[in-house]
Amino acid sequence: MTQPQTIWWARPRKLCGLERPGGGGRTHRSSRRDEEIAYLSRRGVRLVVSTMRTRHNLADYDRAGLAWHHVPVASCAEAAEALDELVILLRSELRAPGAIAVHGDLRTDFVAAVCAAHLHDVRGVAPADGLRAGARAGLEVSPDAAALLGVSYEEVQPRSAIAAETASGRSVTT
């Protein structure tokens, strides 16, 4: 049982965001996919939400006994309706026992936005704080993901946070 390489448990034992099980794009490996789906199942995931444009992995979820919901998202910049749909879905589905996994393909910016929007919706977590938590866990947070939640990208960009913490205000990485 292998934990996915990029995963954020936004709500432990209830909601995680991750890249496509098995890896995204050309890095995808079927053996890794099977191990990561087994990991999700053992962690109590009962529903997988795929935001990939393609239907890859859906038959694998069926074989593993996991329910799935497919909402194809071309890009974070064009995802306002999908975000609204998924926030409503998560609010309803997370009342039931078990966990939900939300994944994209290789890019995880929309996944981070969905999880951060859910945390804001049900826990009152500021969207910027949710995006920062997702970024710390390894999810990609793009300017489009920040804009989708009405947040300035500078508020969530890791280099901005590092620079703000230095006495001079200059980045410590340059």
Protein backbone atom coordinates (compact mmCIF):
# COMPACT_ATOMS: atom_id res chain seq x y z
CA MET A 1 0.00 0.00 0.00
CA THR A 2 1.74 3.16 -1.23
CA GLN A 3 0.68 6.66 -0.21
CA PRO A 4 0.27 8.94 -3.22
CA GLN A 5 3.31 11.15 -3.78
CA THR A 6 1.25 14.33 -3.75
CA ILE A 7 -1.64 14.28 -1.28
CA TRP A 8 -3.21 16.80 1.11
CA TRP A 9 -5.62 15.62 3.77
CA ALA A 10 -7.51 18.93 3.96
CA ARG A 11 -9.83 17.31 6.51
CA PRO A 12 -8.12 14.26 8.04
CA ARG A 13 -10.08 11.05 7.42
CA LYS A 14 -12.70 13.01 5.43
CA LEU A 15 -11.28 14.93 2.44
CA CYS A 16 -8.04 14.70 0.50
CA GLY A 17 -6.78 16.33 -2.65
CA LEU A 18 -4.16 14.64 -4.80
CA GLU A 19 -2.74 14.17 -8.25
CA ARG A 20 -4.15 11.31 -10.31
CA PRO A 21 -3.56 7.97 -8.54
CA GLY A 22 -0.65 6.39 -10.36
CA GLY A 23 0.80 9.76 -11.32
CA GLY A 24 -0.29 12.33 -13.80
CA GLY A 25 0.45 12.63 -17.48
CA ARG A 26 3.41 10.68 -18.83
CA THR A 27 4.57 9.76 -15.32
CA HIS A 28 1.52 7.51 -14.85
CA ARG A 29 2.26 3.89 -13.89
CA SER A 30 -0.47 1.26 -13.57
CA SER A 31 1.27 -0.58 -10.71
CA ARG A 32 1.57 2.66 -8.77
CA ARG A 33 -2.08 3.45 -9.59
CA ASP A 34 -3.27 0.15 -8.11
CA GLU A 35 -1.22 0.67 -4.94
CA GLU A 36 -2.45 4.23 -4.49
CA ILE A 37 -6.09 3.26 -5.05
CA ALA A 38 -5.61 0.54 -2.41
CA TYR A 39 -4.16 3.19 -0.08
CA LEU A 40 -7.21 5.40 -0.59
CA SER A 41 -9.57 2.51 0.00
CA ARG A 42 -7.78 1.49 3.21
CA ARG A 43 -7.91 5.10 4.41
CA GLY A 44 -11.69 5.01 4.17
CA VAL A 45 -12.22 6.77 0.85
CA ARG A 46 -15.62 5.79 -0.55
CA LEU A 47 -15.97 8.40 -3.31
CA VAL A 48 -13.36 9.64 -5.79
CA VAL A 49 -14.00 12.91 -7.61
CA SER A 50 -12.01 13.17 -10.84
CA THR A 51 -11.55 16.59 -12.41
CA MET A 52 -9.51 15.22 -15.32
CA ARG A 53 -10.67 16.02 -18.84
CA THR A 54 -10.46 12.31 -19.68
CA ARG A 55 -12.14 9.31 -18.08
CA HIS A 56 -8.84 7.62 -17.14
CA ASN A 57 -8.92 5.62 -13.87
CA LEU A 58 -12.73 5.52 -13.59
CA ALA A 59 -12.94 1.81 -14.45
CA ASP A 60 -10.18 1.19 -11.90
CA TYR A 61 -12.32 2.84 -9.21
CA ASP A 62 -15.19 0.56 -10.20
CA ARG A 63 -12.95 -2.50 -9.88
CA ALA A 64 -11.80 -1.32 -6.43
CA GLY A 65 -15.40 -0.85 -5.28
CA LEU A 66 -15.13 2.94 -5.05
CA ALA A 67 -17.88 5.26 -6.20
CA TRP A 68 -16.76 8.09 -8.47
CA HIS A 69 -17.98 11.42 -9.79
CA HIS A 70 -16.44 12.94 -12.92
CA VAL A 71 -16.36 16.70 -13.47
CA PRO A 72 -14.01 17.46 -16.38
CA VAL A 73 -12.13 20.73 -15.90
CA ALA A 74 -10.07 22.06 -18.79
CA SER A 75 -8.26 24.67 -16.69
CA CYS A 76 -8.53 26.43 -13.39
CA ALA A 77 -9.19 29.70 -15.23
CA GLU A 78 -12.43 28.26 -16.67
CA ALA A 79 -13.62 26.37 -13.61
CA ALA A 80 -16.01 28.64 -11.69
CA GLU A 81 -19.11 26.51 -12.42
CA ALA A 82 -17.27 23.28 -11.64
CA LEU A 83 -16.04 24.76 -8.35
CA ASP A 84 -19.60 25.68 -7.35
CA GLU A 85 -20.83 22.20 -8.28
CA LEU A 86 -18.11 20.48 -6.27
CA VAL A 87 -18.48 22.64 -3.16
CA ILE A 88 -22.18 21.68 -3.08
CA LEU A 89 -21.36 18.01 -3.73
CA LEU A 90 -18.74 17.91 -0.96
CA ARG A 91 -21.02 19.64 1.54
CA SER A 92 -23.63 16.94 0.96
CA GLU A 93 -21.42 13.86 0.54
CA LEU A 94 -19.11 14.55 3.47
CA ARG A 95 -22.02 14.22 5.89
CA ALA A 96 -21.95 10.46 5.28
CA PRO A 97 -19.34 8.15 6.80
CA GLY A 98 -16.13 7.70 4.86
CA ALA A 99 -13.80 10.01 3.01
CA ILE A 100 -13.69 11.68 -0.40
CA ALA A 101 -10.64 12.03 -2.63
CA VAL A 102 -10.53 14.80 -5.24
CA HIS A 103 -7.92 14.57 -7.98
CA GLY A 104 -6.78 16.17 -11.18
CA ASP A 105 -4.19 14.77 -13.52
CA LEU A 106 -0.68 16.14 -13.11
CA ARG A 107 -1.81 19.67 -12.28
CA THR A 108 -3.39 20.01 -8.85
CA ASP A 109 -4.22 23.73 -8.77
CA PHE A 110 -7.97 23.20 -9.20
CA VAL A 111 -7.91 20.37 -6.64
CA ALA A 112 -6.27 22.73 -4.12
CA ALA A 113 -8.92 25.36 -4.88
CA VAL A 114 -11.77 22.86 -4.36
CA CYS A 115 -10.40 21.72 -1.00
CA ALA A 116 -9.71 25.29 0.14
CA ALA A 117 -13.21 26.38 -0.94
CA HIS A 118 -14.70 23.47 1.01
CA LEU A 119 -12.72 24.40 4.14
CA HIS A 120 -13.98 27.96 3.79
CA ASP A 121 -17.56 26.77 3.25
CA VAL A 122 -17.81 24.43 6.23
CA ARG A 123 -15.07 25.57 8.63
CA GLY A 124 -14.71 29.28 7.86
CA VAL A 125 -11.03 28.88 6.94
CA ALA A 126 -9.81 31.84 4.91
CA PRO A 127 -9.29 30.73 1.28
CA ALA A 128 -5.69 32.00 1.31
CA ASP A 129 -4.95 29.88 4.40
CA GLY A 130 -6.47 26.83 2.72
CA LEU A 131 -4.42 27.35 -0.43
CA ARG A 132 -1.24 27.82 1.61
CA ALA A 133 -1.93 24.55 3.46
CA GLY A 134 -2.41 22.76 0.15
CA ALA A 135 0.82 24.22 -1.20
CA ARG A 136 2.73 23.14 1.93
CA ALA A 137 1.43 19.59 1.34
CA GLY A 138 2.79 19.66 -2.21
CA LEU A 139 -0.25 20.60 -4.29
CA GLU A 140 0.29 23.15 -7.01
CA VAL A 141 -1.29 26.53 -6.35
CA SER A 142 -1.39 28.70 -9.44
CA PRO A 143 -2.40 32.34 -9.94
CA ASP A 144 -5.59 31.02 -11.58
CA ALA A 145 -6.43 28.91 -8.50
CA ALA A 146 -5.95 31.93 -6.25
CA ALA A 147 -8.08 34.12 -8.55
CA LEU A 148 -10.82 31.47 -8.61
CA LEU A 149 -11.14 31.93 -4.83
CA GLY A 150 -10.76 35.70 -4.96
CA VAL A 151 -7.31 35.61 -3.38
CA SER A 152 -4.18 37.46 -4.43
CA TYR A 153 -1.56 34.99 -5.60
CA GLU A 154 1.06 36.91 -3.61
CA GLU A 155 -0.81 35.90 -0.43
CA VAL A 156 -0.27 32.20 -1.11
CA GLN A 157 2.94 32.04 -3.13
CA PRO A 158 5.63 30.36 -0.99
CA ARG A 159 8.39 32.77 -2.07
CA SER A 160 6.27 35.72 -0.96
CA ALA A 161 5.84 34.18 2.49
CA ILE A 162 9.58 33.52 2.79
CA ALA A 163 10.43 37.06 1.72
CA ALA A 164 7.94 38.54 4.18
CA GLU A 165 9.60 36.63 7.02
CA THR A 166 13.07 38.08 6.42
CA ALA A 167 14.14 41.29 8.12
CA SER A 168 15.06 42.95 4.86
CA GLY A 169 12.02 41.74 2.93
CA ARG A 170 14.35 40.16 0.36
CA SER A 171 14.02 36.53 -0.56
CA VAL A 172 16.40 34.24 1.29
CA THR A 173 16.52 31.87 -1.71
CA THR A 174 18.31 34.26 -4.11
